[in-house]
Amino acid sequence: MLKHTAAAAAIVAFMLSPALVHLLAPDFWAGPLFAQEASAKDLGRNAKLADAASINEDLIDAALGGKADKVAEKVAAMRRALPMLRPLLDAATFDALARELTAMEQAMAGKDLPAIALASVEAYRVIEAATDPAQRPSPIEVAMLDYSGFKLSILAAGPAAEWAAIGATAKDSDSNWSALAKNVRDSGIRDLAAAIQDGLRSAVARKDIEGVKFAAKLQLGIVDVLEGYFKRAKSR
């Protein structure tokens, strides 16, 4: 099941559009082998970091949905998790994560859900970047596309569009997809992801906030597809 329900619905609609059906090659669910065997220690470290990243994913979803109680619950969960993350992170990374958590808590005092979500998405980026790349279930660029999709959703949901930040995030998204594309041999997935990036660039160029929101949903959806792709590849 896809993690992001709204994104799942959007990407299914996108994939079934008559204009895009031809993008889905017969080997849509096939893929290359990826990643190496991990030691129990490395897997344990990555699992703990993945749990912390998941807290932030849930927090962002709750903030975008206006669920203040759920947001507060997840901020508290991050505060409880922070001491357990200290031995897993270098000093600079831990300090960066702690600053984002402090920003979340300060924004909580003002009941500023967008500010909480923005701090949380940066915490998610810090955690994902700290995960051992050799032991990841999928390349780091997949997580960075997730980060971009979340951040674009947050920025586009504000009362006034922050086009400079939206444009910078979209540019980072393009860079991550360009780096990732060479690892995706399935032409259907590759072409679909490229089409989503094209749509995002076009929406930013037109300053079409609804287009940005839709592209962000599609990007979150393609992240789930990519995660499944690399998981299946690893199990072959």
C-alpha atoms as a PDB file:
ATOM      1  CA  MET A   1       0.000   0.000   0.000  1.00  0.00           C
ATOM      2  CA  LEU A   2       1.288   3.467  -0.827  1.00  0.00           C
ATOM      3  CA  LYS A   3       2.296   5.616   2.127  1.00  0.00           C
ATOM      4  CA  HIS A   4       0.658   8.770   0.846  1.00  0.00           C
ATOM      5  CA  THR A   5      -3.050   8.215   0.200  1.00  0.00           C
ATOM      6  CA  ALA A   6      -3.639  11.440  -1.708  1.00  0.00           C
ATOM      7  CA  ALA A   7      -0.487  10.881  -3.700  1.00  0.00           C
ATOM      8  CA  ALA A   8      -1.584   7.338  -4.474  1.00  0.00           C
ATOM      9  CA  ALA A   9      -4.880   8.544  -5.927  1.00  0.00           C
ATOM     10  CA  ALA A  10      -3.136  11.253  -7.931  1.00  0.00           C
ATOM     11  CA  ILE A  11      -0.512   9.000  -9.424  1.00  0.00           C
ATOM     12  CA  VAL A  12      -3.036   6.311 -10.338  1.00  0.00           C
ATOM     13  CA  ALA A  13      -5.078   8.934 -12.189  1.00  0.00           C
ATOM     14  CA  PHE A  14      -1.927  10.215 -13.844  1.00  0.00           C
ATOM     15  CA  MET A  15      -0.833   6.732 -14.889  1.00  0.00           C
ATOM     16  CA  LEU A  16      -4.229   5.857 -16.323  1.00  0.00           C
ATOM     17  CA  SER A  17      -4.511   9.040 -18.385  1.00  0.00           C
ATOM     18  CA  PRO A  18      -4.831   8.022 -22.059  1.00  0.00           C
ATOM     19  CA  ALA A  19      -2.124  10.500 -22.971  1.00  0.00           C
ATOM     20  CA  LEU A  20       0.355   8.756 -20.675  1.00  0.00           C
ATOM     21  CA  VAL A  21      -0.542   5.068 -20.891  1.00  0.00           C
ATOM     22  CA  HIS A  22       2.161   4.601 -23.521  1.00  0.00           C
ATOM     23  CA  LEU A  23       4.796   5.540 -20.924  1.00  0.00           C
ATOM     24  CA  LEU A  24       4.261   2.311 -19.002  1.00  0.00           C
ATOM     25  CA  ALA A  25       6.519  -0.320 -20.513  1.00  0.00           C
ATOM     26  CA  PRO A  26       5.734  -4.070 -20.152  1.00  0.00           C
ATOM     27  CA  ASP A  27       8.581  -4.405 -17.655  1.00  0.00           C
ATOM     28  CA  PHE A  28       7.083  -1.746 -15.351  1.00  0.00           C
ATOM     29  CA  TRP A  29       7.603  -3.852 -12.231  1.00  0.00           C
ATOM     30  CA  ALA A  30      10.982  -5.280 -13.210  1.00  0.00           C
ATOM     31  CA  GLY A  31      14.279  -3.743 -12.178  1.00  0.00           C
ATOM     32  CA  PRO A  32      17.988  -4.160 -11.556  1.00  0.00           C
ATOM     33  CA  LEU A  33      19.579  -5.583  -8.461  1.00  0.00           C
ATOM     34  CA  PHE A  34      20.574  -2.825  -6.056  1.00  0.00           C
ATOM     35  CA  ALA A  35      22.373  -2.457  -2.707  1.00  0.00           C
ATOM     36  CA  GLN A  36      24.606  -4.763  -0.701  1.00  0.00           C
ATOM     37  CA  GLU A  37      24.256  -7.114   2.222  1.00  0.00           C
ATOM     38  CA  ALA A  38      24.230  -5.150   5.471  1.00  0.00           C
ATOM     39  CA  SER A  39      25.640  -6.145   8.821  1.00  0.00           C
ATOM     40  CA  ALA A  40      23.240  -6.529  11.739  1.00  0.00           C
ATOM     41  CA  LYS A  41      24.793  -3.463  13.352  1.00  0.00           C
ATOM     42  CA  ASP A  42      24.331  -1.304  10.275  1.00  0.00           C
ATOM     43  CA  LEU A  43      20.777  -2.541   9.787  1.00  0.00           C
ATOM     44  CA  GLY A  44      20.002  -1.709  13.413  1.00  0.00           C
ATOM     45  CA  ARG A  45      21.337   1.823  13.024  1.00  0.00           C
ATOM     46  CA  ASN A  46      19.466   2.350   9.775  1.00  0.00           C
ATOM     47  CA  ALA A  47      16.254   0.976  11.292  1.00  0.00           C
ATOM     48  CA  LYS A  48      16.425   3.466  14.159  1.00  0.00           C
ATOM     49  CA  LEU A  49      17.036   6.333  11.757  1.00  0.00           C
ATOM     50  CA  ALA A  50      14.189   5.109   9.537  1.00  0.00           C
ATOM     51  CA  ASP A  51      11.860   5.136  12.554  1.00  0.00           C
ATOM     52  CA  ALA A  52      12.815   8.757  13.268  1.00  0.00           C
ATOM     53  CA  ALA A  53      12.320   9.704   9.621  1.00  0.00           C
ATOM     54  CA  SER A  54       8.886   8.053   9.715  1.00  0.00           C
ATOM     55  CA  ILE A  55       7.880  10.166  12.726  1.00  0.00           C
ATOM     56  CA  ASN A  56       8.586  13.270  10.656  1.00  0.00           C
ATOM     57  CA  GLU A  57       6.708  11.938   7.623  1.00  0.00           C
ATOM     58  CA  ASP A  58       3.664  11.368   9.839  1.00  0.00           C
ATOM     59  CA  LEU A  59       4.090  14.807  11.394  1.00  0.00           C
ATOM     60  CA  ILE A  60       4.146  16.521   7.996  1.00  0.00           C
ATOM     61  CA  ASP A  61       1.064  14.614   6.832  1.00  0.00           C
ATOM     62  CA  ALA A  62      -0.732  15.637  10.023  1.00  0.00           C
ATOM     63  CA  ALA A  63       0.295  19.293   9.653  1.00  0.00           C
ATOM     64  CA  LEU A  64      -0.866  19.406   6.037  1.00  0.00           C
ATOM     65  CA  GLY A  65      -4.149  17.888   7.183  1.00  0.00           C
ATOM     66  CA  GLY A  66      -4.576  20.487   9.942  1.00  0.00           C
ATOM     67  CA  LYS A  67      -4.458  17.836  12.686  1.00  0.00           C
ATOM     68  CA  ALA A  68      -2.906  19.846  15.513  1.00  0.00           C
ATOM     69  CA  ASP A  69      -3.275  17.118  18.151  1.00  0.00           C
ATOM     70  CA  LYS A  70      -1.491  14.591  15.946  1.00  0.00           C
ATOM     71  CA  VAL A  71       1.246  17.116  15.188  1.00  0.00           C
ATOM     72  CA  ALA A  72       1.805  17.683  18.922  1.00  0.00           C
ATOM     73  CA  GLU A  73       1.971  13.919  19.454  1.00  0.00           C
ATOM     74  CA  LYS A  74       4.660  13.527  16.785  1.00  0.00           C
ATOM     75  CA  VAL A  75       6.719  16.483  18.017  1.00  0.00           C
ATOM     76  CA  ALA A  76       6.710  14.865  21.474  1.00  0.00           C
ATOM     77  CA  ALA A  77       7.739  11.551  19.893  1.00  0.00           C
ATOM     78  CA  MET A  78      10.717  13.259  18.240  1.00  0.00           C
ATOM     79  CA  ARG A  79      11.744  14.782  21.577  1.00  0.00           C
ATOM     80  CA  ARG A  80      11.688  11.297  23.146  1.00  0.00           C
ATOM     81  CA  ALA A  81      13.637   9.839  20.237  1.00  0.00           C
ATOM     82  CA  LEU A  82      16.370  12.486  20.195  1.00  0.00           C
ATOM     83  CA  PRO A  83      18.545  11.035  23.010  1.00  0.00           C
ATOM     84  CA  MET A  84      18.492   7.627  21.299  1.00  0.00           C
ATOM     85  CA  LEU A  85      19.712   9.203  18.074  1.00  0.00           C
ATOM     86  CA  ARG A  86      22.697  10.940  19.682  1.00  0.00           C
ATOM     87  CA  PRO A  87      25.056   7.909  19.531  1.00  0.00           C
ATOM     88  CA  LEU A  88      24.081   7.269  15.898  1.00  0.00           C
ATOM     89  CA  LEU A  89      25.002  10.736  14.586  1.00  0.00           C
ATOM     90  CA  ASP A  90      28.105  12.865  14.443  1.00  0.00           C
ATOM     91  CA  ALA A  91      28.072  16.052  16.512  1.00  0.00           C
ATOM     92  CA  ALA A  92      27.249  18.415  13.645  1.00  0.00           C
ATOM     93  CA  THR A  93      24.382  16.247  12.362  1.00  0.00           C
ATOM     94  CA  PHE A  94      22.944  15.783  15.845  1.00  0.00           C
ATOM     95  CA  ASP A  95      23.110  19.536  16.510  1.00  0.00           C
ATOM     96  CA  ALA A  96      21.331  20.244  13.200  1.00  0.00           C
ATOM     97  CA  LEU A  97      18.575  17.785  14.089  1.00  0.00           C
ATOM     98  CA  ALA A  98      18.231  19.238  17.590  1.00  0.00           C
ATOM     99  CA  ARG A  99      17.866  22.741  16.127  1.00  0.00           C
ATOM    100  CA  GLU A 100      15.038  21.624  13.858  1.00  0.00           C
ATOM    101  CA  LEU A 101      13.275  19.971  16.795  1.00  0.00           C
ATOM    102  CA  THR A 102      13.625  23.165  18.836  1.00  0.00           C
ATOM    103  CA  ALA A 103      12.140  25.092  15.910  1.00  0.00           C
ATOM    104  CA  MET A 104       9.201  22.666  15.861  1.00  0.00           C
ATOM    105  CA  GLU A 105       8.587  23.163  19.561  1.00  0.00           C
ATOM    106  CA  GLN A 106       8.796  26.944  19.272  1.00  0.00           C
ATOM    107  CA  ALA A 107       6.323  26.901  16.382  1.00  0.00           C
ATOM    108  CA  MET A 108       4.051  24.666  18.473  1.00  0.00           C
ATOM    109  CA  ALA A 109       3.790  27.446  21.035  1.00  0.00           C
ATOM    110  CA  GLY A 110       2.312  29.678  18.354  1.00  0.00           C
ATOM    111  CA  LYS A 111       0.216  26.887  16.850  1.00  0.00           C
ATOM    112  CA  ASP A 112       1.968  27.530  13.546  1.00  0.00           C
ATOM    113  CA  LEU A 113       1.443  24.255  11.685  1.00  0.00           C
ATOM    114  CA  PRO A 114       3.207  25.326   8.448  1.00  0.00           C
ATOM    115  CA  ALA A 115       6.315  26.374  10.405  1.00  0.00           C
ATOM    116  CA  ILE A 116       6.274  23.084  12.307  1.00  0.00           C
ATOM    117  CA  ALA A 117       6.004  21.182   9.031  1.00  0.00           C
ATOM    118  CA  LEU A 118       8.894  23.109   7.473  1.00  0.00           C
ATOM    119  CA  ALA A 119      11.149  22.345  10.444  1.00  0.00           C
ATOM    120  CA  SER A 120      10.024  18.730  10.353  1.00  0.00           C
ATOM    121  CA  VAL A 121      10.794  18.310   6.659  1.00  0.00           C
ATOM    122  CA  GLU A 122      14.296  19.643   7.286  1.00  0.00           C
ATOM    123  CA  ALA A 123      14.672  17.190  10.169  1.00  0.00           C
ATOM    124  CA  TYR A 124      13.606  14.431   7.759  1.00  0.00           C
ATOM    125  CA  ARG A 125      16.321  15.525   5.311  1.00  0.00           C
ATOM    126  CA  VAL A 126      18.981  15.534   8.039  1.00  0.00           C
ATOM    127  CA  ILE A 127      18.016  12.029   9.175  1.00  0.00           C
ATOM    128  CA  GLU A 128      17.906  10.577   5.664  1.00  0.00           C
ATOM    129  CA  ALA A 129      21.261  12.134   4.777  1.00  0.00           C
ATOM    130  CA  ALA A 130      22.784  10.472   7.866  1.00  0.00           C
ATOM    131  CA  THR A 131      21.716   6.969   6.815  1.00  0.00           C
ATOM    132  CA  ASP A 132      24.552   4.731   5.606  1.00  0.00           C
ATOM    133  CA  PRO A 133      24.299   4.915   1.793  1.00  0.00           C
ATOM    134  CA  ALA A 134      25.691   1.396   1.322  1.00  0.00           C
ATOM    135  CA  GLN A 135      22.932  -0.075   3.469  1.00  0.00           C
ATOM    136  CA  ARG A 136      19.948   1.894   2.187  1.00  0.00           C
ATOM    137  CA  PRO A 137      17.038  -0.078   0.660  1.00  0.00           C
ATOM    138  CA  SER A 138      16.963   2.531  -2.139  1.00  0.00           C
ATOM    139  CA  PRO A 139      19.332   5.315  -3.235  1.00  0.00           C
ATOM    140  CA  ILE A 140      19.432   8.519  -1.199  1.00  0.00           C
ATOM    141  CA  GLU A 141      17.918  10.402  -4.146  1.00  0.00           C
ATOM    142  CA  VAL A 142      14.626   8.560  -3.608  1.00  0.00           C
ATOM    143  CA  ALA A 143      14.393   9.987  -0.081  1.00  0.00           C
ATOM    144  CA  MET A 144      15.384  13.410  -1.390  1.00  0.00           C
ATOM    145  CA  LEU A 145      12.517  13.283  -3.902  1.00  0.00           C
ATOM    146  CA  ASP A 146      10.256  12.486  -0.939  1.00  0.00           C
ATOM    147  CA  TYR A 147      11.744  15.499   0.858  1.00  0.00           C
ATOM    148  CA  SER A 148      11.091  17.716  -2.176  1.00  0.00           C
ATOM    149  CA  GLY A 149       7.531  16.469  -2.546  1.00  0.00           C
ATOM    150  CA  PHE A 150       6.793  17.173   1.099  1.00  0.00           C
ATOM    151  CA  LYS A 151       8.463  20.584   1.067  1.00  0.00           C
ATOM    152  CA  LEU A 152       6.704  21.666  -2.114  1.00  0.00           C
ATOM    153  CA  SER A 153       3.376  20.580  -0.586  1.00  0.00           C
ATOM    154  CA  ILE A 154       4.075  22.679   2.514  1.00  0.00           C
ATOM    155  CA  LEU A 155       5.256  25.745   0.603  1.00  0.00           C
ATOM    156  CA  ALA A 156       2.332  25.577  -1.826  1.00  0.00           C
ATOM    157  CA  ALA A 157      -0.191  25.318   1.007  1.00  0.00           C
ATOM    158  CA  GLY A 158       0.692  28.706   2.497  1.00  0.00           C
ATOM    159  CA  PRO A 159      -1.484  31.827   2.137  1.00  0.00           C
ATOM    160  CA  ALA A 160       1.146  33.447  -0.107  1.00  0.00           C
ATOM    161  CA  ALA A 161       3.235  31.448  -2.552  1.00  0.00           C
ATOM    162  CA  GLU A 162       6.970  31.581  -1.756  1.00  0.00           C
ATOM    163  CA  TRP A 163       8.147  31.281  -5.344  1.00  0.00           C
ATOM    164  CA  ALA A 164      11.855  31.627  -4.606  1.00  0.00           C
ATOM    165  CA  ALA A 165      11.746  28.703  -2.167  1.00  0.00           C
ATOM    166  CA  ILE A 166       9.422  26.713  -4.441  1.00  0.00           C
ATOM    167  CA  GLY A 167      11.743  27.257  -7.403  1.00  0.00           C
ATOM    168  CA  ALA A 168      14.837  26.253  -5.419  1.00  0.00           C
ATOM    169  CA  THR A 169      13.127  23.108  -4.143  1.00  0.00           C
ATOM    170  CA  ALA A 170      11.958  22.177  -7.631  1.00  0.00           C
ATOM    171  CA  LYS A 171      15.517  22.652  -8.921  1.00  0.00           C
ATOM    172  CA  ASP A 172      16.876  20.352  -6.198  1.00  0.00           C
ATOM    173  CA  SER A 173      14.207  17.836  -7.129  1.00  0.00           C
ATOM    174  CA  ASP A 174      15.360  17.901 -10.752  1.00  0.00           C
ATOM    175  CA  SER A 175      18.976  17.373  -9.696  1.00  0.00           C
ATOM    176  CA  ASN A 176      18.056  14.376  -7.568  1.00  0.00           C
ATOM    177  CA  TRP A 177      15.980  12.813 -10.348  1.00  0.00           C
ATOM    178  CA  SER A 178      18.806  13.341 -12.859  1.00  0.00           C
ATOM    179  CA  ALA A 179      21.215  11.541 -10.519  1.00  0.00           C
ATOM    180  CA  LEU A 180      18.726   8.732  -9.864  1.00  0.00           C
ATOM    181  CA  ALA A 181      17.511   8.144 -13.425  1.00  0.00           C
ATOM    182  CA  LYS A 182      20.586   6.161 -14.459  1.00  0.00           C
ATOM    183  CA  ASN A 183      19.780   3.562 -11.763  1.00  0.00           C
ATOM    184  CA  VAL A 184      16.223   3.015 -13.028  1.00  0.00           C
ATOM    185  CA  ARG A 185      16.255   0.614 -15.976  1.00  0.00           C
ATOM    186  CA  ASP A 186      12.491   0.319 -16.226  1.00  0.00           C
ATOM    187  CA  SER A 187      11.532   2.688 -19.026  1.00  0.00           C
ATOM    188  CA  GLY A 188       7.937   3.085 -17.815  1.00  0.00           C
ATOM    189  CA  ILE A 189       8.936   4.270 -14.358  1.00  0.00           C
ATOM    190  CA  ARG A 190      11.740   6.400 -15.741  1.00  0.00           C
ATOM    191  CA  ASP A 191       9.520   8.127 -18.304  1.00  0.00           C
ATOM    192  CA  LEU A 192       6.740   8.667 -15.782  1.00  0.00           C
ATOM    193  CA  ALA A 193       9.110  10.262 -13.262  1.00  0.00           C
ATOM    194  CA  ALA A 194      10.566  12.450 -16.006  1.00  0.00           C
ATOM    195  CA  ALA A 195       7.053  13.553 -17.021  1.00  0.00           C
ATOM    196  CA  ILE A 196       6.284  14.508 -13.409  1.00  0.00           C
ATOM    197  CA  GLN A 197       9.470  16.582 -13.253  1.00  0.00           C
ATOM    198  CA  ASP A 198       8.577  18.257 -16.542  1.00  0.00           C
ATOM    199  CA  GLY A 199       5.144  19.106 -15.157  1.00  0.00           C
ATOM    200  CA  LEU A 200       6.678  20.535 -12.000  1.00  0.00           C
ATOM    201  CA  ARG A 201       9.116  22.731 -13.953  1.00  0.00           C
ATOM    202  CA  SER A 202       6.283  23.981 -16.140  1.00  0.00           C
ATOM    203  CA  ALA A 203       4.068  24.801 -13.146  1.00  0.00           C
ATOM    204  CA  VAL A 204       6.885  26.741 -11.466  1.00  0.00           C
ATOM    205  CA  ALA A 205       7.645  28.636 -14.690  1.00  0.00           C
ATOM    206  CA  ARG A 206       3.952  29.603 -14.999  1.00  0.00           C
ATOM    207  CA  LYS A 207       3.723  30.382 -11.275  1.00  0.00           C
ATOM    208  CA  ASP A 208       0.765  27.980 -11.187  1.00  0.00           C
ATOM    209  CA  ILE A 209       0.353  27.103  -7.516  1.00  0.00           C
ATOM    210  CA  GLU A 210      -2.306  24.463  -8.149  1.00  0.00           C
ATOM    211  CA  GLY A 211      -0.010  22.867 -10.695  1.00  0.00           C
ATOM    212  CA  VAL A 212       2.785  22.805  -8.114  1.00  0.00           C
ATOM    213  CA  LYS A 213       0.476  21.163  -5.574  1.00  0.00           C
ATOM    214  CA  PHE A 214      -0.540  18.492  -8.083  1.00  0.00           C
ATOM    215  CA  ALA A 215       3.048  17.860  -9.177  1.00  0.00           C
ATOM    216  CA  ALA A 216       4.093  17.515  -5.519  1.00  0.00           C
ATOM    217  CA  LYS A 217       1.390  14.865  -4.974  1.00  0.00           C
ATOM    218  CA  LEU A 218       2.578  12.996  -8.052  1.00  0.00           C
ATOM    219  CA  GLN A 219       6.154  13.210  -6.850  1.00  0.00           C
ATOM    220  CA  LEU A 220       5.214  11.687  -3.490  1.00  0.00           C
ATOM    221  CA  GLY A 221       3.423   8.953  -5.403  1.00  0.00           C
ATOM    222  CA  ILE A 222       6.383   8.156  -7.664  1.00  0.00           C
ATOM    223  CA  VAL A 223       8.571   7.908  -4.558  1.00  0.00           C
ATOM    224  CA  ASP A 224       6.410   4.998  -3.390  1.00  0.00           C
ATOM    225  CA  VAL A 225       6.732   3.384  -6.831  1.00  0.00           C
ATOM    226  CA  LEU A 226      10.518   3.837  -6.762  1.00  0.00           C
ATOM    227  CA  GLU A 227      10.797   2.414  -3.253  1.00  0.00           C
ATOM    228  CA  GLY A 228       8.872  -0.650  -4.380  1.00  0.00           C
ATOM    229  CA  TYR A 229      11.047  -0.934  -7.499  1.00  0.00           C
ATOM    230  CA  PHE A 230      14.297  -1.017  -5.551  1.00  0.00           C
ATOM    231  CA  LYS A 231      12.849  -3.309  -2.866  1.00  0.00           C
ATOM    232  CA  ARG A 232      11.853  -5.866  -5.508  1.00  0.00           C
ATOM    233  CA  ALA A 233      15.224  -5.502  -7.195  1.00  0.00           C
ATOM    234  CA  LYS A 234      17.053  -6.163  -3.945  1.00  0.00           C
ATOM    235  CA  SER A 235      15.031  -9.327  -3.254  1.00  0.00           C
ATOM    236  CA  ARG A 236      15.884 -10.910  -6.629  1.00  0.00           C
END
